[in-house]
């Protein structure tokens, strides 16, 4: 006699779309800084010295923007639907959240306003957002994939 195993869980894992790796960002930043400061240096040598502080400020702001992007490099969202429970784990910058719901009582809430689509998991009076790293079309397709696994509620 063998115990029946639970059916395999449905797992959806999403991460942010990054067009540049961290090394690519450093190379881009170095090229941009050399170009900007080089042009500003030539302008300062020609007598337009007030250009230098603005060029430095521009480079500093791009460095700050890249730092903010780097803080979110490890972001992810993982949805796991098992026979008895639904788990959501997500990381946003440095905060990690985990939410577990009893599967028969959990509801997926789909809200569409014009072209915008939002998803959430409703359970015990609480709403946990889903698909924050996805496009509107991706959230719609995830809602279709979840149909039959978790009850859906549509707010149109």
Protein backbone atom coordinates (compact mmCIF):
# COMPACT_ATOMS: atom_id res chain seq x y z
CA UNK A 1 0.00 0.00 0.00
CA UNK A 2 1.29 3.37 -1.03
CA UNK A 3 -0.03 6.75 -0.11
CA UNK A 4 -1.13 8.84 -3.05
CA UNK A 5 1.07 11.85 -3.60
CA UNK A 6 -0.47 15.28 -3.97
CA UNK A 7 -0.69 16.41 -7.56
CA UNK A 8 2.23 18.61 -8.54
CA UNK A 9 1.80 22.21 -7.54
CA UNK A 10 1.24 24.98 -10.06
CA UNK A 11 4.17 27.36 -9.77
CA UNK A 12 4.48 30.78 -11.37
CA UNK A 13 7.73 32.66 -10.87
CA UNK A 14 8.27 36.17 -12.24
CA UNK A 15 11.27 38.49 -12.13
CA UNK A 16 11.81 42.02 -13.46
CA UNK A 17 12.87 42.41 -17.06
CA UNK A 18 16.41 43.81 -17.12
CA UNK A 19 17.99 44.77 -20.44
CA UNK A 20 21.41 45.41 -18.86
CA UNK A 21 23.35 43.20 -16.48
CA UNK A 22 25.16 44.84 -13.55
CA UNK A 23 28.42 44.69 -15.54
CA UNK A 24 26.68 46.23 -18.57
CA UNK A 25 25.36 49.04 -16.38
CA UNK A 26 28.86 49.81 -15.10
CA UNK A 27 30.26 49.92 -18.65
CA UNK A 28 27.41 52.17 -19.82
CA UNK A 29 27.88 54.45 -16.81
CA UNK A 30 31.65 54.71 -17.41
CA UNK A 31 31.15 55.56 -21.10
CA UNK A 32 28.46 58.11 -20.29
CA UNK A 33 30.54 59.73 -17.52
CA UNK A 34 33.69 59.96 -19.67
CA UNK A 35 31.74 61.43 -22.57
CA UNK A 36 29.79 63.95 -20.48
CA UNK A 37 32.75 65.07 -18.38
CA UNK A 38 35.02 65.14 -21.45
CA UNK A 39 32.70 67.45 -23.38
CA UNK A 40 32.23 69.60 -20.27
CA UNK A 41 36.02 69.71 -19.83
CA UNK A 42 36.50 71.00 -23.38
CA UNK A 43 33.78 73.60 -22.77
CA UNK A 44 35.45 74.66 -19.52
CA UNK A 45 38.81 74.95 -21.29
CA UNK A 46 37.15 77.22 -23.87
CA UNK A 47 35.94 79.50 -21.08
CA UNK A 48 32.48 78.06 -20.38
CA UNK A 49 33.45 76.83 -16.91
CA UNK A 50 29.87 77.00 -15.47
CA UNK A 51 29.12 73.84 -17.50
CA UNK A 52 31.24 71.62 -15.21
CA UNK A 53 28.97 71.57 -12.12
CA UNK A 54 25.96 70.67 -14.28
CA UNK A 55 27.88 67.88 -15.99
CA UNK A 56 28.93 66.53 -12.57
CA UNK A 57 25.33 66.76 -11.36
CA UNK A 58 24.11 64.88 -14.44
CA UNK A 59 26.58 62.04 -13.87
CA UNK A 60 25.70 61.90 -10.15
CA UNK A 61 21.97 61.65 -10.91
CA UNK A 62 22.51 58.82 -13.40
CA UNK A 63 24.65 57.00 -10.79
CA UNK A 64 21.80 57.44 -8.27
CA UNK A 65 19.23 56.14 -10.77
CA UNK A 66 21.36 53.07 -11.50
CA UNK A 67 21.76 52.47 -7.76
CA UNK A 68 17.96 52.47 -7.32
CA UNK A 69 17.65 49.98 -10.20
CA UNK A 70 20.36 47.79 -8.62
CA UNK A 71 18.40 47.67 -5.34
CA UNK A 72 15.62 45.88 -7.24
CA UNK A 73 17.83 43.37 -9.08
CA UNK A 74 16.78 40.54 -6.76
CA UNK A 75 13.05 41.25 -6.90
CA UNK A 76 10.79 38.29 -7.63
CA UNK A 77 7.28 36.98 -7.12
CA UNK A 78 6.49 33.29 -6.71
CA UNK A 79 2.96 31.89 -6.66
CA UNK A 80 2.49 28.24 -5.76
CA UNK A 81 -0.94 26.59 -5.85
CA UNK A 82 -1.06 23.20 -4.16
CA UNK A 83 -3.93 20.88 -3.36
CA UNK A 84 -4.47 22.43 0.06
CA UNK A 85 -2.80 25.82 0.13
CA UNK A 86 -1.75 28.80 -1.93
CA UNK A 87 1.61 30.43 -1.22
CA UNK A 88 2.88 33.78 -2.39
CA UNK A 89 6.46 34.83 -1.77
CA UNK A 90 7.83 38.11 -3.02
CA UNK A 91 10.83 40.34 -2.63
CA UNK A 92 10.76 44.07 -3.28
CA UNK A 93 14.15 45.74 -2.82
CA UNK A 94 15.10 44.54 0.66
CA UNK A 95 11.70 43.47 2.00
CA UNK A 96 10.59 39.85 1.77
CA UNK A 97 6.97 38.80 2.26
CA UNK A 98 5.36 35.38 2.47
CA UNK A 99 1.62 34.73 2.50
CA UNK A 100 -0.10 31.36 2.87
CA UNK A 101 -3.82 30.80 2.29
CA UNK A 102 -6.08 27.75 2.54
CA UNK A 103 -6.71 26.89 -1.12
CA UNK A 104 -10.51 26.27 -1.08
CA UNK A 105 -11.16 29.66 0.54
CA UNK A 106 -8.75 31.72 -1.54
CA UNK A 107 -10.05 33.84 -4.43
CA UNK A 108 -8.23 35.50 -7.31
CA UNK A 109 -9.62 38.99 -7.90
CA UNK A 110 -9.25 40.37 -11.43
CA UNK A 111 -9.91 44.07 -11.86
CA UNK A 112 -9.91 45.67 -15.30
CA UNK A 113 -10.23 49.39 -15.94
CA UNK A 114 -9.76 50.21 -19.59
CA UNK A 115 -6.49 48.62 -20.67
CA UNK A 116 -5.24 48.23 -17.07
CA UNK A 117 -5.52 44.85 -15.36
CA UNK A 118 -4.70 44.13 -11.72
CA UNK A 119 -4.66 40.81 -9.89
CA UNK A 120 -4.89 40.02 -6.23
CA UNK A 121 -5.37 37.05 -3.92
CA UNK A 122 -8.24 37.57 -1.49
CA UNK A 123 -8.23 35.50 1.69
CA UNK A 124 -9.59 36.09 5.19
CA UNK A 125 -10.41 39.75 4.55
CA UNK A 126 -6.97 40.49 3.17
CA UNK A 127 -5.93 41.28 -0.41
CA UNK A 128 -2.40 40.41 -1.54
CA UNK A 129 -1.34 41.88 -4.93
CA UNK A 130 -0.23 39.47 -7.67
CA UNK A 131 1.67 40.06 -10.89
CA UNK A 132 3.26 43.37 -9.93
CA UNK A 133 6.32 42.51 -12.06
CA UNK A 134 4.19 41.62 -15.09
CA UNK A 135 2.55 43.56 -17.89
CA UNK A 136 -1.23 43.91 -18.07
CA UNK A 137 -1.35 41.22 -20.75
CA UNK A 138 0.80 38.94 -18.58
CA UNK A 139 -1.60 39.40 -15.65
CA UNK A 140 -4.54 38.51 -17.92
CA UNK A 141 -2.82 35.33 -19.08
CA UNK A 142 -1.92 34.40 -15.48
CA UNK A 143 -5.60 34.85 -14.52
CA UNK A 144 -6.55 32.46 -17.33
CA UNK A 145 -3.96 29.93 -16.16
CA UNK A 146 -5.30 30.11 -12.61
CA UNK A 147 -8.90 29.50 -13.73
CA UNK A 148 -9.87 26.09 -12.45
CA UNK A 149 -7.12 26.04 -9.81
CA UNK A 150 -8.45 28.92 -7.68
CA UNK A 151 -11.86 30.56 -7.82
CA UNK A 152 -11.85 33.79 -9.83
CA UNK A 153 -13.77 36.97 -9.07
CA UNK A 154 -13.89 39.63 -11.77
CA UNK A 155 -14.38 43.33 -11.03
CA UNK A 156 -14.93 45.06 -14.34
